[in-house]
C-alpha atoms as a PDB file:
ATOM      1  CA  MET A   1     -71.307 -69.341 -18.110  1.00  0.00           C
ATOM      2  CA  LYS A   2     -68.825 -71.828 -16.668  1.00  0.00           C
ATOM      3  CA  SER A   3     -67.254 -69.156 -14.471  1.00  0.00           C
ATOM      4  CA  LEU A   4     -70.693 -68.138 -13.134  1.00  0.00           C
ATOM      5  CA  ARG A   5     -71.417 -71.780 -12.367  1.00  0.00           C
ATOM      6  CA  LYS A   6     -68.090 -72.091 -10.536  1.00  0.00           C
ATOM      7  CA  ILE A   7     -68.882 -68.976  -8.494  1.00  0.00           C
ATOM      8  CA  LYS A   8     -72.294 -70.368  -7.555  1.00  0.00           C
ATOM      9  CA  HIS A   9     -70.717 -73.658  -6.462  1.00  0.00           C
ATOM     10  CA  LEU A  10     -68.093 -71.813  -4.435  1.00  0.00           C
ATOM     11  CA  LEU A  11     -70.753 -69.667  -2.729  1.00  0.00           C
ATOM     12  CA  LEU A  12     -72.804 -72.762  -1.939  1.00  0.00           C
ATOM     13  CA  PHE A  13     -69.749 -74.502  -0.495  1.00  0.00           C
ATOM     14  CA  LEU A  14     -68.825 -71.454   1.584  1.00  0.00           C
ATOM     15  CA  SER A  15     -72.360 -71.016   2.894  1.00  0.00           C
ATOM     16  CA  ILE A  16     -72.490 -74.660   3.986  1.00  0.00           C
ATOM     17  CA  ALA A  17     -69.039 -74.457   5.568  1.00  0.00           C
ATOM     18  CA  LEU A  18     -69.783 -71.214   7.378  1.00  0.00           C
ATOM     19  CA  ALA A  19     -73.127 -72.500   8.582  1.00  0.00           C
ATOM     20  CA  ASN A  20     -71.318 -75.352  10.308  1.00  0.00           C
ATOM     21  CA  ILE A  21     -68.207 -73.482  11.455  1.00  0.00           C
ATOM     22  CA  ASN A  22     -68.383 -69.930  12.774  1.00  0.00           C
ATOM     23  CA  LEU A  23     -65.080 -68.645  11.334  1.00  0.00           C
ATOM     24  CA  PHE A  24     -66.244 -65.114  10.727  1.00  0.00           C
ATOM     25  CA  SER A  25     -68.176 -62.805  12.976  1.00  0.00           C
ATOM     26  CA  GLN A  26     -71.121 -60.882  11.617  1.00  0.00           C
ATOM     27  CA  THR A  27     -71.014 -57.110  11.759  1.00  0.00           C
ATOM     28  CA  LEU A  28     -73.895 -54.703  11.331  1.00  0.00           C
ATOM     29  CA  VAL A  29     -72.946 -52.412   8.449  1.00  0.00           C
ATOM     30  CA  LYS A  30     -76.049 -50.223   8.478  1.00  0.00           C
ATOM     31  CA  ASN A  31     -79.301 -50.418  10.406  1.00  0.00           C
ATOM     32  CA  ILE A  32     -81.932 -50.096   7.681  1.00  0.00           C
ATOM     33  CA  GLU A  33     -84.757 -50.952  10.122  1.00  0.00           C
ATOM     34  CA  PRO A  34     -84.218 -48.696  13.152  1.00  0.00           C
ATOM     35  CA  GLY A  35     -85.377 -50.072  16.485  1.00  0.00           C
ATOM     36  CA  SER A  36     -85.317 -53.621  17.744  1.00  0.00           C
ATOM     37  CA  ALA A  37     -86.995 -55.261  14.731  1.00  0.00           C
ATOM     38  CA  SER A  38     -84.860 -57.117  12.198  1.00  0.00           C
ATOM     39  CA  SER A  39     -84.859 -56.261   8.494  1.00  0.00           C
ATOM     40  CA  ASN A  40     -84.383 -59.994   7.808  1.00  0.00           C
ATOM     41  CA  PRO A  41     -81.831 -59.569   5.000  1.00  0.00           C
ATOM     42  CA  THR A  42     -81.888 -62.496   2.584  1.00  0.00           C
ATOM     43  CA  SER A  43     -81.015 -63.622  -0.946  1.00  0.00           C
ATOM     44  CA  PHE A  44     -77.479 -62.272  -1.190  1.00  0.00           C
ATOM     45  CA  TYR A  45     -75.936 -61.938  -4.671  1.00  0.00           C
ATOM     46  CA  PRO A  46     -72.469 -60.607  -5.557  1.00  0.00           C
ATOM     47  CA  PHE A  47     -72.511 -57.862  -8.199  1.00  0.00           C
ATOM     48  CA  LYS A  48     -69.458 -55.873  -9.395  1.00  0.00           C
ATOM     49  CA  ASN A  49     -67.544 -55.972  -6.082  1.00  0.00           C
ATOM     50  CA  LYS A  50     -70.756 -55.232  -4.178  1.00  0.00           C
ATOM     51  CA  LEU A  51     -73.520 -57.297  -2.634  1.00  0.00           C
ATOM     52  CA  VAL A  52     -77.198 -57.082  -3.601  1.00  0.00           C
ATOM     53  CA  PHE A  53     -79.796 -58.419  -1.165  1.00  0.00           C
ATOM     54  CA  SER A  54     -83.429 -58.069  -0.196  1.00  0.00           C
ATOM     55  CA  ALA A  55     -84.560 -56.806   3.200  1.00  0.00           C
ATOM     56  CA  TYR A  56     -87.737 -55.694   4.920  1.00  0.00           C
ATOM     57  CA  THR A  57     -88.487 -52.401   6.617  1.00  0.00           C
ATOM     58  CA  SER A  58     -91.782 -51.416   8.194  1.00  0.00           C
ATOM     59  CA  PHE A  59     -91.777 -48.224   6.098  1.00  0.00           C
ATOM     60  CA  ASN A  60     -90.893 -49.633   2.625  1.00  0.00           C
ATOM     61  CA  GLY A  61     -91.727 -53.352   2.904  1.00  0.00           C
ATOM     62  CA  TRP A  62     -89.479 -55.773   0.978  1.00  0.00           C
ATOM     63  CA  GLN A  63     -86.949 -53.975  -1.191  1.00  0.00           C
ATOM     64  CA  PHE A  64     -83.636 -54.585  -2.955  1.00  0.00           C
ATOM     65  CA  TYR A  65     -80.512 -53.106  -1.371  1.00  0.00           C
ATOM     66  CA  ILE A  66     -76.891 -52.883  -2.452  1.00  0.00           C
ATOM     67  CA  THR A  67     -73.805 -52.538  -0.273  1.00  0.00           C
ATOM     68  CA  ASP A  68     -70.085 -52.125  -0.674  1.00  0.00           C
ATOM     69  CA  GLY A  69     -69.610 -53.160   2.952  1.00  0.00           C
ATOM     70  CA  SER A  70     -69.734 -49.653   4.391  1.00  0.00           C
ATOM     71  CA  SER A  71     -72.587 -47.769   6.029  1.00  0.00           C
ATOM     72  CA  SER A  72     -72.473 -44.940   3.492  1.00  0.00           C
ATOM     73  CA  GLY A  73     -72.282 -47.471   0.641  1.00  0.00           C
ATOM     74  CA  THR A  74     -75.427 -49.353   1.712  1.00  0.00           C
ATOM     75  CA  GLN A  75     -78.626 -48.114   0.135  1.00  0.00           C
ATOM     76  CA  MET A  76     -81.978 -49.164  -1.278  1.00  0.00           C
ATOM     77  CA  LEU A  77     -81.732 -49.659  -5.044  1.00  0.00           C
ATOM     78  CA  THR A  78     -85.207 -48.353  -5.768  1.00  0.00           C
ATOM     79  CA  ASN A  79     -88.550 -48.267  -3.993  1.00  0.00           C
ATOM     80  CA  ILE A  80     -90.655 -50.996  -5.585  1.00  0.00           C
ATOM     81  CA  PRO A  81     -94.361 -50.733  -4.700  1.00  0.00           C
ATOM     82  CA  ASN A  82     -94.993 -53.613  -2.336  1.00  0.00           C
ATOM     83  CA  THR A  83     -98.332 -55.193  -3.141  1.00  0.00           C
ATOM     84  CA  ASP A  84     -97.525 -58.712  -1.911  1.00  0.00           C
ATOM     85  CA  PRO A  85     -95.564 -59.055   1.342  1.00  0.00           C
ATOM     86  CA  ASN A  86     -94.485 -62.582   0.334  1.00  0.00           C
ATOM     87  CA  ALA A  87     -93.332 -61.624  -3.158  1.00  0.00           C
ATOM     88  CA  PHE A  88     -89.638 -61.583  -2.255  1.00  0.00           C
ATOM     89  CA  LEU A  89     -89.758 -64.730  -0.181  1.00  0.00           C
ATOM     90  CA  ASN A  90     -89.574 -68.347  -1.212  1.00  0.00           C
ATOM     91  CA  GLY A  91     -88.481 -67.820  -4.787  1.00  0.00           C
ATOM     92  CA  GLY A  92     -90.639 -64.761  -5.465  1.00  0.00           C
ATOM     93  CA  PHE A  93     -88.347 -62.131  -6.968  1.00  0.00           C
ATOM     94  CA  LEU A  94     -85.050 -63.679  -5.872  1.00  0.00           C
END
């Protein structure tokens, strides 16, 4: 549990630092919402050398995705029926 707590503190520190200093550029890995609309990816969590996050598409609504940082390695985990469009936001599922 202590190592998980240390990781959380490190991620918090890095997110604050990166929010204030743009050291890294952002790169689109895969466009999961084709067109000009954003999928609004949020709630990023590291998991076994991958990253799990939630994102919105007009076809599937809010869903969980996982990525290894490559286009072919970015996919929806499972299609969860979306009954509440706010369920993933503001402390809903994540």
